[in-house]
Amino acid sequence: MEHKIPALIIQPIVENSIGHGLMKRISGGMVKITAKKNDDFIEITVEDDGIGIQQERLEKLLNNSFTGSIGLKNVNKRLLNEYGQGILIESKIGIGTIVTIKIPIKVEEFQIGGTNYD
């Protein structure tokens, strides 16, 4: 993609998928990273087939009241500050977790015939 995303946004999420989701399984697992662009935003998903996150813990992660997972908190805080929207997390115990980041595409100012357009 020609659009840039903030540094160190994906890495902490992948590390959490491996450390908290896959490493706690008896057998291996999968982490899938996908990036898609539409007209309004870039959507990045990190999906794993790990152990999942319990609903109570997930709620605490999403409202920033969880005491662990500093990397995830930092990513969420940075996204909220920069774009007004944090991470989205969907998880099912025993099935896995999907973390979604939506980064708005900023309309670049361009010039046609001496006139500026936003």
PDB file of N, CA and C in Angstrom:
ATOM      1  N   MET A   1       0.845  -1.185   0.000  1.00  0.00           N
ATOM      2  CA  MET A   1       0.000   0.000   0.000  1.00  0.00           C
ATOM      3  C   MET A   1       0.884   1.240   0.000  1.00  0.00           C
ATOM      4  N   GLU A   2       0.378   2.293  -0.600  1.00  0.00           N
ATOM      5  CA  GLU A   2       1.139   3.530  -0.616  1.00  0.00           C
ATOM      6  C   GLU A   2       0.933   4.366   0.645  1.00  0.00           C
ATOM      7  N   HIS A   3       0.010   3.985   1.503  1.00  0.00           N
ATOM      8  CA  HIS A   3      -0.272   4.727   2.726  1.00  0.00           C
ATOM      9  C   HIS A   3       0.561   4.177   3.879  1.00  0.00           C
ATOM     10  N   LYS A   4       1.003   5.077   4.724  1.00  0.00           N
ATOM     11  CA  LYS A   4       1.803   4.680   5.876  1.00  0.00           C
ATOM     12  C   LYS A   4       0.904   4.467   7.085  1.00  0.00           C
ATOM     13  N   ILE A   5       1.344   3.557   7.944  1.00  0.00           N
ATOM     14  CA  ILE A   5       0.653   3.340   9.212  1.00  0.00           C
ATOM     15  C   ILE A   5       1.628   3.675  10.324  1.00  0.00           C
ATOM     16  N   PRO A   6       1.121   4.020  11.493  1.00  0.00           N
ATOM     17  CA  PRO A   6       2.031   4.357  12.605  1.00  0.00           C
ATOM     18  C   PRO A   6       2.943   3.185  12.960  1.00  0.00           C
ATOM     19  N   ALA A   7       4.164   3.516  13.353  1.00  0.00           N
ATOM     20  CA  ALA A   7       5.138   2.498  13.746  1.00  0.00           C
ATOM     21  C   ALA A   7       4.681   1.775  15.008  1.00  0.00           C
ATOM     22  N   LEU A   8       5.080   0.527  15.125  1.00  0.00           N
ATOM     23  CA  LEU A   8       4.837  -0.307  16.305  1.00  0.00           C
ATOM     24  C   LEU A   8       3.353  -0.429  16.676  1.00  0.00           C
ATOM     25  N   ILE A   9       2.518  -0.557  15.668  1.00  0.00           N
ATOM     26  CA  ILE A   9       1.095  -0.775  15.900  1.00  0.00           C
ATOM     27  C   ILE A   9       0.786  -2.267  15.801  1.00  0.00           C
ATOM     28  N   ILE A  10       1.336  -2.929  14.819  1.00  0.00           N
ATOM     29  CA  ILE A  10       1.028  -4.339  14.579  1.00  0.00           C
ATOM     30  C   ILE A  10       1.838  -5.261  15.493  1.00  0.00           C
ATOM     31  N   GLN A  11       3.101  -4.947  15.711  1.00  0.00           N
ATOM     32  CA  GLN A  11       3.990  -5.835  16.480  1.00  0.00           C
ATOM     33  C   GLN A  11       3.451  -6.219  17.858  1.00  0.00           C
ATOM     34  N   PRO A  12       3.006  -5.283  18.701  1.00  0.00           N
ATOM     35  CA  PRO A  12       2.511  -5.694  20.026  1.00  0.00           C
ATOM     36  C   PRO A  12       1.290  -6.608  19.959  1.00  0.00           C
ATOM     37  N   ILE A  13       0.469  -6.425  18.940  1.00  0.00           N
ATOM     38  CA  ILE A  13      -0.720  -7.261  18.795  1.00  0.00           C
ATOM     39  C   ILE A  13      -0.323  -8.679  18.408  1.00  0.00           C
ATOM     40  N   VAL A  14       0.637  -8.795  17.497  1.00  0.00           N
ATOM     41  CA  VAL A  14       1.133 -10.122  17.098  1.00  0.00           C
ATOM     42  C   VAL A  14       1.808 -10.801  18.291  1.00  0.00           C
ATOM     43  N   GLU A  15       2.599 -10.057  19.048  1.00  0.00           N
ATOM     44  CA  GLU A  15       3.254 -10.616  20.237  1.00  0.00           C
ATOM     45  C   GLU A  15       2.216 -11.126  21.237  1.00  0.00           C
ATOM     46  N   ASN A  16       1.121 -10.391  21.434  1.00  0.00           N
ATOM     47  CA  ASN A  16       0.062 -10.845  22.335  1.00  0.00           C
ATOM     48  C   ASN A  16      -0.608 -12.103  21.807  1.00  0.00           C
ATOM     49  N   SER A  17      -0.836 -12.161  20.494  1.00  0.00           N
ATOM     50  CA  SER A  17      -1.441 -13.359  19.902  1.00  0.00           C
ATOM     51  C   SER A  17      -0.596 -14.592  20.185  1.00  0.00           C
ATOM     52  N   ILE A  18       0.695 -14.435  20.022  1.00  0.00           N
ATOM     53  CA  ILE A  18       1.599 -15.573  20.244  1.00  0.00           C
ATOM     54  C   ILE A  18       1.728 -15.879  21.731  1.00  0.00           C
ATOM     55  N   GLY A  19       2.045 -14.863  22.530  1.00  0.00           N
ATOM     56  CA  GLY A  19       2.321 -15.073  23.951  1.00  0.00           C
ATOM     57  C   GLY A  19       1.113 -15.470  24.777  1.00  0.00           C
ATOM     58  N   HIS A  20      -0.026 -14.864  24.507  1.00  0.00           N
ATOM     59  CA  HIS A  20      -1.213 -15.117  25.334  1.00  0.00           C
ATOM     60  C   HIS A  20      -2.195 -16.094  24.698  1.00  0.00           C
ATOM     61  N   GLY A  21      -2.127 -16.235  23.384  1.00  0.00           N
ATOM     62  CA  GLY A  21      -3.079 -17.099  22.700  1.00  0.00           C
ATOM     63  C   GLY A  21      -2.499 -18.439  22.290  1.00  0.00           C
ATOM     64  N   LEU A  22      -1.390 -18.406  21.565  1.00  0.00           N
ATOM     65  CA  LEU A  22      -0.838 -19.641  20.997  1.00  0.00           C
ATOM     66  C   LEU A  22       0.071 -20.408  21.948  1.00  0.00           C
ATOM     67  N   MET A  23       0.869 -19.711  22.729  1.00  0.00           N
ATOM     68  CA  MET A  23       1.829 -20.396  23.620  1.00  0.00           C
ATOM     69  C   MET A  23       1.125 -21.184  24.713  1.00  0.00           C
ATOM     70  N   LYS A  24      -0.120 -20.864  24.979  1.00  0.00           N
ATOM     71  CA  LYS A  24      -0.860 -21.572  26.024  1.00  0.00           C
ATOM     72  C   LYS A  24      -1.607 -22.787  25.479  1.00  0.00           C
ATOM     73  N   ARG A  25      -1.460 -23.031  24.180  1.00  0.00           N
ATOM     74  CA  ARG A  25      -2.053 -24.227  23.570  1.00  0.00           C
ATOM     75  C   ARG A  25      -1.067 -25.383  23.666  1.00  0.00           C
ATOM     76  N   ILE A  26      -1.579 -26.588  23.619  1.00  0.00           N
ATOM     77  CA  ILE A  26      -0.713 -27.771  23.644  1.00  0.00           C
ATOM     78  C   ILE A  26       0.024 -27.904  22.316  1.00  0.00           C
ATOM     79  N   SER A  27      -0.680 -27.677  21.223  1.00  0.00           N
ATOM     80  CA  SER A  27      -0.063 -27.749  19.897  1.00  0.00           C
ATOM     81  C   SER A  27       0.159 -26.337  19.364  1.00  0.00           C
ATOM     82  N   GLY A  28       0.762 -26.226  18.203  1.00  0.00           N
ATOM     83  CA  GLY A  28       1.026 -24.930  17.584  1.00  0.00           C
ATOM     84  C   GLY A  28      -0.246 -24.205  17.203  1.00  0.00           C
ATOM     85  N   GLY A  29      -0.094 -23.186  16.420  1.00  0.00           N
ATOM     86  CA  GLY A  29      -1.257 -22.421  16.003  1.00  0.00           C
ATOM     87  C   GLY A  29      -0.913 -21.504  14.858  1.00  0.00           C
ATOM     88  N   MET A  30      -1.833 -20.606  14.540  1.00  0.00           N
ATOM     89  CA  MET A  30      -1.708 -19.735  13.398  1.00  0.00           C
ATOM     90  C   MET A  30      -1.990 -18.289  13.800  1.00  0.00           C
ATOM     91  N   VAL A  31      -1.186 -17.376  13.247  1.00  0.00           N
ATOM     92  CA  VAL A  31      -1.457 -15.949  13.332  1.00  0.00           C
ATOM     93  C   VAL A  31      -1.517 -15.441  11.897  1.00  0.00           C
ATOM     94  N   LYS A  32      -2.611 -14.793  11.567  1.00  0.00           N
ATOM     95  CA  LYS A  32      -2.814 -14.286  10.209  1.00  0.00           C
ATOM     96  C   LYS A  32      -2.947 -12.764  10.280  1.00  0.00           C
ATOM     97  N   ILE A  33      -2.136 -12.072   9.473  1.00  0.00           N
ATOM     98  CA  ILE A  33      -2.171 -10.611   9.416  1.00  0.00           C
ATOM     99  C   ILE A  33      -2.699 -10.213   8.039  1.00  0.00           C
ATOM    100  N   THR A  34      -3.717  -9.370   8.033  1.00  0.00           N
ATOM    101  CA  THR A  34      -4.330  -8.935   6.780  1.00  0.00           C
ATOM    102  C   THR A  34      -4.441  -7.412   6.782  1.00  0.00           C
ATOM    103  N   ALA A  35      -4.152  -6.796   5.658  1.00  0.00           N
ATOM    104  CA  ALA A  35      -4.352  -5.356   5.495  1.00  0.00           C
ATOM    105  C   ALA A  35      -5.165  -5.125   4.234  1.00  0.00           C
ATOM    106  N   LYS A  36      -6.243  -4.346   4.364  1.00  0.00           N
ATOM    107  CA  LYS A  36      -7.104  -4.014   3.232  1.00  0.00           C
ATOM    108  C   LYS A  36      -7.316  -2.510   3.211  1.00  0.00           C
ATOM    109  N   LYS A  37      -7.482  -1.978   2.030  1.00  0.00           N
ATOM    110  CA  LYS A  37      -7.750  -0.552   1.881  1.00  0.00           C
ATOM    111  C   LYS A  37      -9.100  -0.376   1.204  1.00  0.00           C
ATOM    112  N   ASN A  38      -9.905   0.535   1.753  1.00  0.00           N
ATOM    113  CA  ASN A  38     -11.102   0.947   1.037  1.00  0.00           C
ATOM    114  C   ASN A  38     -11.028   2.459   0.870  1.00  0.00           C
ATOM    115  N   ASP A  39     -12.090   3.093   0.483  1.00  0.00           N
ATOM    116  CA  ASP A  39     -12.043   4.531   0.212  1.00  0.00           C
ATOM    117  C   ASP A  39     -11.765   5.378   1.448  1.00  0.00           C
ATOM    118  N   ASP A  40     -12.185   4.908   2.618  1.00  0.00           N
ATOM    119  CA  ASP A  40     -12.115   5.730   3.820  1.00  0.00           C
ATOM    120  C   ASP A  40     -11.017   5.360   4.807  1.00  0.00           C
ATOM    121  N   PHE A  41     -10.596   4.101   4.812  1.00  0.00           N
ATOM    122  CA  PHE A  41      -9.629   3.688   5.820  1.00  0.00           C
ATOM    123  C   PHE A  41      -8.855   2.451   5.373  1.00  0.00           C
ATOM    124  N   ILE A  42      -7.775   2.216   6.089  1.00  0.00           N
ATOM    125  CA  ILE A  42      -7.010   0.975   5.965  1.00  0.00           C
ATOM    126  C   ILE A  42      -7.417   0.122   7.150  1.00  0.00           C
ATOM    127  N   GLU A  43      -7.784  -1.115   6.882  1.00  0.00           N
ATOM    128  CA  GLU A  43      -8.189  -2.044   7.943  1.00  0.00           C
ATOM    129  C   GLU A  43      -7.126  -3.127   8.072  1.00  0.00           C
ATOM    130  N   ILE A  44      -6.563  -3.237   9.264  1.00  0.00           N
ATOM    131  CA  ILE A  44      -5.560  -4.254   9.556  1.00  0.00           C
ATOM    132  C   ILE A  44      -6.154  -5.211  10.570  1.00  0.00           C
ATOM    133  N   THR A  45      -6.078  -6.507  10.287  1.00  0.00           N
ATOM    134  CA  THR A  45      -6.553  -7.498  11.245  1.00  0.00           C
ATOM    135  C   THR A  45      -5.425  -8.448  11.594  1.00  0.00           C
ATOM    136  N   VAL A  46      -5.376  -8.799  12.858  1.00  0.00           N
ATOM    137  CA  VAL A  46      -4.470  -9.833  13.357  1.00  0.00           C
ATOM    138  C   VAL A  46      -5.370 -10.891  13.964  1.00  0.00           C
ATOM    139  N   GLU A  47      -5.354 -12.062  13.368  1.00  0.00           N
ATOM    140  CA  GLU A  47      -6.252 -13.148  13.763  1.00  0.00           C
ATOM    141  C   GLU A  47      -5.422 -14.346  14.213  1.00  0.00           C
ATOM    142  N   ASP A  48      -5.825 -14.956  15.329  1.00  0.00           N
ATOM    143  CA  ASP A  48      -5.138 -16.179  15.769  1.00  0.00           C
ATOM    144  C   ASP A  48      -6.163 -17.250  16.108  1.00  0.00           C
ATOM    145  N   ASP A  49      -5.675 -18.477  16.177  1.00  0.00           N
ATOM    146  CA  ASP A  49      -6.545 -19.590  16.587  1.00  0.00           C
ATOM    147  C   ASP A  49      -6.108 -20.101  17.957  1.00  0.00           C
ATOM    148  N   GLY A  50      -5.773 -19.149  18.827  1.00  0.00           N
ATOM    149  CA  GLY A  50      -5.322 -19.470  20.178  1.00  0.00           C
ATOM    150  C   GLY A  50      -6.464 -19.793  21.122  1.00  0.00           C
ATOM    151  N   ILE A  51      -6.204 -19.639  22.407  1.00  0.00           N
ATOM    152  CA  ILE A  51      -7.160 -20.055  23.428  1.00  0.00           C
ATOM    153  C   ILE A  51      -8.326 -19.081  23.606  1.00  0.00           C
ATOM    154  N   GLY A  52      -8.210 -17.886  23.056  1.00  0.00           N
ATOM    155  CA  GLY A  52      -9.262 -16.886  23.208  1.00  0.00           C
ATOM    156  C   GLY A  52      -9.113 -16.095  24.496  1.00  0.00           C
ATOM    157  N   ILE A  53      -9.950 -15.088  24.645  1.00  0.00           N
ATOM    158  CA  ILE A  53      -9.908 -14.200  25.814  1.00  0.00           C
ATOM    159  C   ILE A  53     -11.263 -14.269  26.507  1.00  0.00           C
ATOM    160  N   GLN A  54     -11.238 -14.479  27.813  1.00  0.00           N
ATOM    161  CA  GLN A  54     -12.478 -14.518  28.580  1.00  0.00           C
ATOM    162  C   GLN A  54     -13.182 -13.160  28.500  1.00  0.00           C
ATOM    163  N   GLN A  55     -14.503 -13.174  28.497  1.00  0.00           N
ATOM    164  CA  GLN A  55     -15.301 -11.965  28.311  1.00  0.00           C
ATOM    165  C   GLN A  55     -14.953 -10.882  29.333  1.00  0.00           C
ATOM    166  N   GLU A  56     -14.783 -11.247  30.590  1.00  0.00           N
ATOM    167  CA  GLU A  56     -14.460 -10.269  31.640  1.00  0.00           C
ATOM    168  C   GLU A  56     -13.132  -9.584  31.358  1.00  0.00           C
ATOM    169  N   ARG A  57     -12.145 -10.369  30.969  1.00  0.00           N
ATOM    170  CA  ARG A  57     -10.828  -9.807  30.653  1.00  0.00           C
ATOM    171  C   ARG A  57     -10.908  -8.942  29.395  1.00  0.00           C
ATOM    172  N   LEU A  58     -11.666  -9.379  28.423  1.00  0.00           N
ATOM    173  CA  LEU A  58     -11.825  -8.630  27.181  1.00  0.00           C
ATOM    174  C   LEU A  58     -12.440  -7.259  27.455  1.00  0.00           C
ATOM    175  N   GLU A  59     -13.461  -7.213  28.294  1.00  0.00           N
ATOM    176  CA  GLU A  59     -14.090  -5.937  28.640  1.00  0.00           C
ATOM    177  C   GLU A  59     -13.096  -5.004  29.316  1.00  0.00           C
ATOM    178  N   LYS A  60     -12.266  -5.542  30.198  1.00  0.00           N
ATOM    179  CA  LYS A  60     -11.250  -4.720  30.863  1.00  0.00           C
ATOM    180  C   LYS A  60     -10.197  -4.231  29.868  1.00  0.00           C
ATOM    181  N   LEU A  61      -9.821  -5.077  28.913  1.00  0.00           N
ATOM    182  CA  LEU A  61      -8.870  -4.649  27.883  1.00  0.00           C
ATOM    183  C   LEU A  61      -9.434  -3.492  27.070  1.00  0.00           C
ATOM    184  N   LEU A  62     -10.696  -3.593  26.730  1.00  0.00           N
ATOM    185  CA  LEU A  62     -11.304  -2.583  25.873  1.00  0.00           C
ATOM    186  C   LEU A  62     -11.572  -1.268  26.594  1.00  0.00           C
ATOM    187  N   ASN A  63     -11.760  -1.292  27.908  1.00  0.00           N
ATOM    188  CA  ASN A  63     -11.970  -0.031  28.620  1.00  0.00           C
ATOM    189  C   ASN A  63     -10.713   0.426  29.374  1.00  0.00           C
ATOM    190  N   ASN A  64      -9.586  -0.209  29.066  1.00  0.00           N
ATOM    191  CA  ASN A  64      -8.273   0.160  29.612  1.00  0.00           C
ATOM    192  C   ASN A  64      -8.161   0.026  31.126  1.00  0.00           C
ATOM    193  N   SER A  65      -8.975  -0.837  31.750  1.00  0.00           N
ATOM    194  CA  SER A  65      -8.863  -1.026  33.196  1.00  0.00           C
ATOM    195  C   SER A  65      -8.052  -2.280  33.547  1.00  0.00           C
ATOM    196  N   PHE A  66      -7.546  -2.981  32.543  1.00  0.00           N
ATOM    197  CA  PHE A  66      -6.756  -4.190  32.772  1.00  0.00           C
ATOM    198  C   PHE A  66      -5.340  -3.779  33.145  1.00  0.00           C
ATOM    199  N   THR A  67      -4.750  -4.436  34.139  1.00  0.00           N
ATOM    200  CA  THR A  67      -3.435  -4.032  34.629  1.00  0.00           C
ATOM    201  C   THR A  67      -2.278  -4.600  33.809  1.00  0.00           C
ATOM    202  N   GLY A  68      -2.505  -5.644  33.018  1.00  0.00           N
ATOM    203  CA  GLY A  68      -1.443  -6.209  32.196  1.00  0.00           C
ATOM    204  C   GLY A  68      -1.494  -5.675  30.779  1.00  0.00           C
ATOM    205  N   SER A  69      -0.812  -6.325  29.887  1.00  0.00           N
ATOM    206  CA  SER A  69      -0.829  -6.024  28.456  1.00  0.00           C
ATOM    207  C   SER A  69      -0.545  -4.553  28.148  1.00  0.00           C
ATOM    208  N   ILE A  70       0.608  -4.090  28.576  1.00  0.00           N
ATOM    209  CA  ILE A  70       0.991  -2.694  28.361  1.00  0.00           C
ATOM    210  C   ILE A  70       1.083  -2.364  26.877  1.00  0.00           C
ATOM    211  N   GLY A  71       1.595  -3.308  26.075  1.00  0.00           N
ATOM    212  CA  GLY A  71       1.712  -3.077  24.637  1.00  0.00           C
ATOM    213  C   GLY A  71       0.371  -2.817  23.992  1.00  0.00           C
ATOM    214  N   LEU A  72      -0.616  -3.610  24.341  1.00  0.00           N
ATOM    215  CA  LEU A  72      -1.956  -3.453  23.783  1.00  0.00           C
ATOM    216  C   LEU A  72      -2.583  -2.129  24.227  1.00  0.00           C
ATOM    217  N   LYS A  73      -2.392  -1.778  25.486  1.00  0.00           N
ATOM    218  CA  LYS A  73      -2.903  -0.498  25.992  1.00  0.00           C
ATOM    219  C   LYS A  73      -2.281   0.671  25.245  1.00  0.00           C
ATOM    220  N   ASN A  74      -0.948   0.594  25.029  1.00  0.00           N
ATOM    221  CA  ASN A  74      -0.259   1.674  24.329  1.00  0.00           C
ATOM    222  C   ASN A  74      -0.755   1.826  22.895  1.00  0.00           C
ATOM    223  N   VAL A  75      -0.946   0.703  22.216  1.00  0.00           N
ATOM    224  CA  VAL A  75      -1.466   0.744  20.847  1.00  0.00           C
ATOM    225  C   VAL A  75      -2.847   1.383  20.841  1.00  0.00           C
ATOM    226  N   ASN A  76      -3.712   0.938  21.735  1.00  0.00           N
ATOM    227  CA  ASN A  76      -5.069   1.471  21.803  1.00  0.00           C
ATOM    228  C   ASN A  76      -5.055   2.967  22.090  1.00  0.00           C
ATOM    229  N   LYS A  77      -4.236   3.380  23.039  1.00  0.00           N
ATOM    230  CA  LYS A  77      -4.152   4.795  23.418  1.00  0.00           C
ATOM    231  C   LYS A  77      -3.650   5.642  22.246  1.00  0.00           C
ATOM    232  N   ARG A  78      -2.626   5.158  21.550  1.00  0.00           N
ATOM    233  CA  ARG A  78      -2.093   5.896  20.403  1.00  0.00           C
ATOM    234  C   ARG A  78      -3.139   6.051  19.305  1.00  0.00           C
ATOM    235  N   LEU A  79      -3.871   4.976  19.031  1.00  0.00           N
ATOM    236  CA  LEU A  79      -4.903   5.034  17.994  1.00  0.00           C
ATOM    237  C   LEU A  79      -6.037   5.980  18.393  1.00  0.00           C
ATOM    238  N   LEU A  80      -6.452   5.921  19.651  1.00  0.00           N
ATOM    239  CA  LEU A  80      -7.496   6.826  20.138  1.00  0.00           C
ATOM    240  C   LEU A  80      -7.059   8.285  20.024  1.00  0.00           C
ATOM    241  N   ASN A  81      -5.820   8.564  20.416  1.00  0.00           N
ATOM    242  CA  ASN A  81      -5.311   9.935  20.360  1.00  0.00           C
ATOM    243  C   ASN A  81      -5.183  10.443  18.929  1.00  0.00           C
ATOM    244  N   GLU A  82      -4.699   9.598  18.045  1.00  0.00           N
ATOM    245  CA  GLU A  82      -4.432  10.014  16.671  1.00  0.00           C
ATOM    246  C   GLU A  82      -5.686  10.026  15.794  1.00  0.00           C
ATOM    247  N   TYR A  83      -6.547   9.003  15.954  1.00  0.00           N
ATOM    248  CA  TYR A  83      -7.670   8.832  15.027  1.00  0.00           C
ATOM    249  C   TYR A  83      -9.044   8.848  15.677  1.00  0.00           C
ATOM    250  N   GLY A  84      -9.095   8.885  17.008  1.00  0.00           N
ATOM    251  CA  GLY A  84     -10.384   8.898  17.691  1.00  0.00           C
ATOM    252  C   GLY A  84     -11.058   7.543  17.777  1.00  0.00           C
ATOM    253  N   GLN A  85     -10.361   6.497  17.340  1.00  0.00           N
ATOM    254  CA  GLN A  85     -10.905   5.128  17.395  1.00  0.00           C
ATOM    255  C   GLN A  85      -9.775   4.176  17.747  1.00  0.00           C
ATOM    256  N   GLY A  86     -10.013   3.345  18.743  1.00  0.00           N
ATOM    257  CA  GLY A  86      -9.013   2.378  19.173  1.00  0.00           C
ATOM    258  C   GLY A  86      -9.159   1.050  18.460  1.00  0.00           C
ATOM    259  N   ILE A  87      -8.577   0.032  19.060  1.00  0.00           N
ATOM    260  CA  ILE A  87      -8.647  -1.318  18.485  1.00  0.00           C
ATOM    261  C   ILE A  87     -10.005  -1.952  18.777  1.00  0.00           C
ATOM    262  N   LEU A  88     -10.384  -2.876  17.928  1.00  0.00           N
ATOM    263  CA  LEU A  88     -11.585  -3.672  18.131  1.00  0.00           C
ATOM    264  C   LEU A  88     -11.127  -5.103  18.359  1.00  0.00           C
ATOM    265  N   ILE A  89     -11.675  -5.764  19.367  1.00  0.00           N
ATOM    266  CA  ILE A  89     -11.264  -7.135  19.679  1.00  0.00           C
ATOM    267  C   ILE A  89     -12.499  -8.022  19.727  1.00  0.00           C
ATOM    268  N   GLU A  90     -12.445  -9.111  18.974  1.00  0.00           N
ATOM    269  CA  GLU A  90     -13.469 -10.152  19.030  1.00  0.00           C
ATOM    270  C   GLU A  90     -12.764 -11.433  19.439  1.00  0.00           C
ATOM    271  N   SER A  91     -13.333 -12.166  20.376  1.00  0.00           N
ATOM    272  CA  SER A  91     -12.675 -13.376  20.835  1.00  0.00           C
ATOM    273  C   SER A  91     -13.693 -14.409  21.283  1.00  0.00           C
ATOM    274  N   LYS A  92     -13.351 -15.669  21.024  1.00  0.00           N
ATOM    275  CA  LYS A  92     -14.166 -16.786  21.481  1.00  0.00           C
ATOM    276  C   LYS A  92     -13.239 -17.805  22.138  1.00  0.00           C
ATOM    277  N   ILE A  93     -13.595 -18.196  23.347  1.00  0.00           N
ATOM    278  CA  ILE A  93     -12.793 -19.167  24.090  1.00  0.00           C
ATOM    279  C   ILE A  93     -12.666 -20.455  23.273  1.00  0.00           C
ATOM    280  N   GLY A  94     -11.432 -20.924  23.152  1.00  0.00           N
ATOM    281  CA  GLY A  94     -11.157 -22.160  22.439  1.00  0.00           C
ATOM    282  C   GLY A  94     -11.134 -22.029  20.922  1.00  0.00           C
ATOM    283  N   ILE A  95     -11.450 -20.848  20.408  1.00  0.00           N
ATOM    284  CA  ILE A  95     -11.489 -20.656  18.947  1.00  0.00           C
ATOM    285  C   ILE A  95     -10.438 -19.649  18.491  1.00  0.00           C
ATOM    286  N   GLY A  96     -10.295 -18.560  19.213  1.00  0.00           N
ATOM    287  CA  GLY A  96      -9.280 -17.583  18.845  1.00  0.00           C
ATOM    288  C   GLY A  96      -9.747 -16.157  18.991  1.00  0.00           C
ATOM    289  N   THR A  97      -8.903 -15.239  18.507  1.00  0.00           N
ATOM    290  CA  THR A  97      -9.121 -13.812  18.682  1.00  0.00           C
ATOM    291  C   THR A  97      -8.831 -13.088  17.380  1.00  0.00           C
ATOM    292  N   ILE A  98      -9.624 -12.057  17.117  1.00  0.00           N
ATOM    293  CA  ILE A  98      -9.396 -11.181  15.976  1.00  0.00           C
ATOM    294  C   ILE A  98      -9.294  -9.753  16.504  1.00  0.00           C
ATOM    295  N   VAL A  99      -8.175  -9.102  16.216  1.00  0.00           N
ATOM    296  CA  VAL A  99      -7.973  -7.706  16.585  1.00  0.00           C
ATOM    297  C   VAL A  99      -8.003  -6.907  15.287  1.00  0.00           C
ATOM    298  N   THR A 100      -8.824  -5.862  15.267  1.00  0.00           N
ATOM    299  CA  THR A 100      -8.974  -5.035  14.071  1.00  0.00           C
ATOM    300  C   THR A 100      -8.575  -3.603  14.381  1.00  0.00           C
ATOM    301  N   ILE A 101      -7.809  -3.035  13.464  1.00  0.00           N
ATOM    302  CA  ILE A 101      -7.402  -1.633  13.539  1.00  0.00           C
ATOM    303  C   ILE A 101      -7.911  -0.961  12.278  1.00  0.00           C
ATOM    304  N   LYS A 102      -8.569   0.174  12.434  1.00  0.00           N
ATOM    305  CA  LYS A 102      -9.004   0.956  11.283  1.00  0.00           C
ATOM    306  C   LYS A 102      -8.317   2.310  11.332  1.00  0.00           C
ATOM    307  N   ILE A 103      -7.532   2.578  10.295  1.00  0.00           N
ATOM    308  CA  ILE A 103      -6.787   3.828  10.215  1.00  0.00           C
ATOM    309  C   ILE A 103      -7.390   4.654   9.083  1.00  0.00           C
ATOM    310  N   PRO A 104      -7.985   5.803   9.421  1.00  0.00           N
ATOM    311  CA  PRO A 104      -8.584   6.637   8.370  1.00  0.00           C
ATOM    312  C   PRO A 104      -7.529   7.099   7.370  1.00  0.00           C
ATOM    313  N   ILE A 105      -7.942   7.152   6.116  1.00  0.00           N
ATOM    314  CA  ILE A 105      -7.060   7.683   5.075  1.00  0.00           C
ATOM    315  C   ILE A 105      -7.311   9.176   5.016  1.00  0.00           C
ATOM    316  N   LYS A 106      -6.273   9.940   5.255  1.00  0.00           N
ATOM    317  CA  LYS A 106      -6.397  11.398   5.228  1.00  0.00           C
ATOM    318  C   LYS A 106      -6.341  11.860   3.779  1.00  0.00           C
ATOM    319  N   VAL A 107      -7.287  12.703   3.422  1.00  0.00           N
ATOM    320  CA  VAL A 107      -7.316  13.239   2.076  1.00  0.00           C
ATOM    321  C   VAL A 107      -6.185  14.257   1.947  1.00  0.00           C
ATOM    322  N   GLU A 108      -5.299  13.976   1.021  1.00  0.00           N
ATOM    323  CA  GLU A 108      -4.172  14.866   0.799  1.00  0.00           C
ATOM    324  C   GLU A 108      -4.641  16.084   0.003  1.00  0.00           C
ATOM    325  N   GLU A 109      -4.093  17.236   0.319  1.00  0.00           N
ATOM    326  CA  GLU A 109      -4.404  18.432  -0.448  1.00  0.00           C
ATOM    327  C   GLU A 109      -3.691  18.334  -1.793  1.00  0.00           C
ATOM    328  N   PHE A 110      -4.398  18.670  -2.858  1.00  0.00           N
ATOM    329  CA  PHE A 110      -3.765  18.642  -4.170  1.00  0.00           C
ATOM    330  C   PHE A 110      -4.162  19.887  -4.947  1.00  0.00           C
ATOM    331  N   GLN A 111      -3.446  20.154  -6.041  1.00  0.00           N
ATOM    332  CA  GLN A 111      -3.622  21.391  -6.782  1.00  0.00           C
ATOM    333  C   GLN A 111      -3.935  21.081  -8.242  1.00  0.00           C
ATOM    334  N   ILE A 112      -4.958  21.760  -8.784  1.00  0.00           N
ATOM    335  CA  ILE A 112      -5.306  21.641 -10.203  1.00  0.00           C
ATOM    336  C   ILE A 112      -5.470  23.052 -10.749  1.00  0.00           C
ATOM    337  N   GLY A 113      -4.710  23.382 -11.781  1.00  0.00           N
ATOM    338  CA  GLY A 113      -4.849  24.682 -12.436  1.00  0.00           C
ATOM    339  C   GLY A 113      -4.700  25.854 -11.494  1.00  0.00           C
ATOM    340  N   GLY A 114      -3.804  25.755 -10.511  1.00  0.00           N
ATOM    341  CA  GLY A 114      -3.543  26.859  -9.595  1.00  0.00           C
ATOM    342  C   GLY A 114      -4.534  26.966  -8.447  1.00  0.00           C
ATOM    343  N   THR A 115      -5.531  26.080  -8.392  1.00  0.00           N
ATOM    344  CA  THR A 115      -6.524  26.113  -7.319  1.00  0.00           C
ATOM    345  C   THR A 115      -6.289  24.952  -6.366  1.00  0.00           C
ATOM    346  N   ASN A 116      -6.308  25.232  -5.079  1.00  0.00           N
ATOM    347  CA  ASN A 116      -6.133  24.161  -4.086  1.00  0.00           C
ATOM    348  C   ASN A 116      -7.454  23.494  -3.786  1.00  0.00           C
ATOM    349  N   TYR A 117      -7.434  22.166  -3.696  1.00  0.00           N
ATOM    350  CA  TYR A 117      -8.603  21.379  -3.330  1.00  0.00           C
ATOM    351  C   TYR A 117      -8.245  20.503  -2.146  1.00  0.00           C
ATOM    352  N   ASP A 118      -9.130  20.362  -1.210  1.00  0.00           N
ATOM    353  CA  ASP A 118      -8.907  19.458  -0.075  1.00  0.00           C
ATOM    354  C   ASP A 118      -9.627  18.162  -0.331  1.00  0.00           C
TER     355      ASP A 118
END
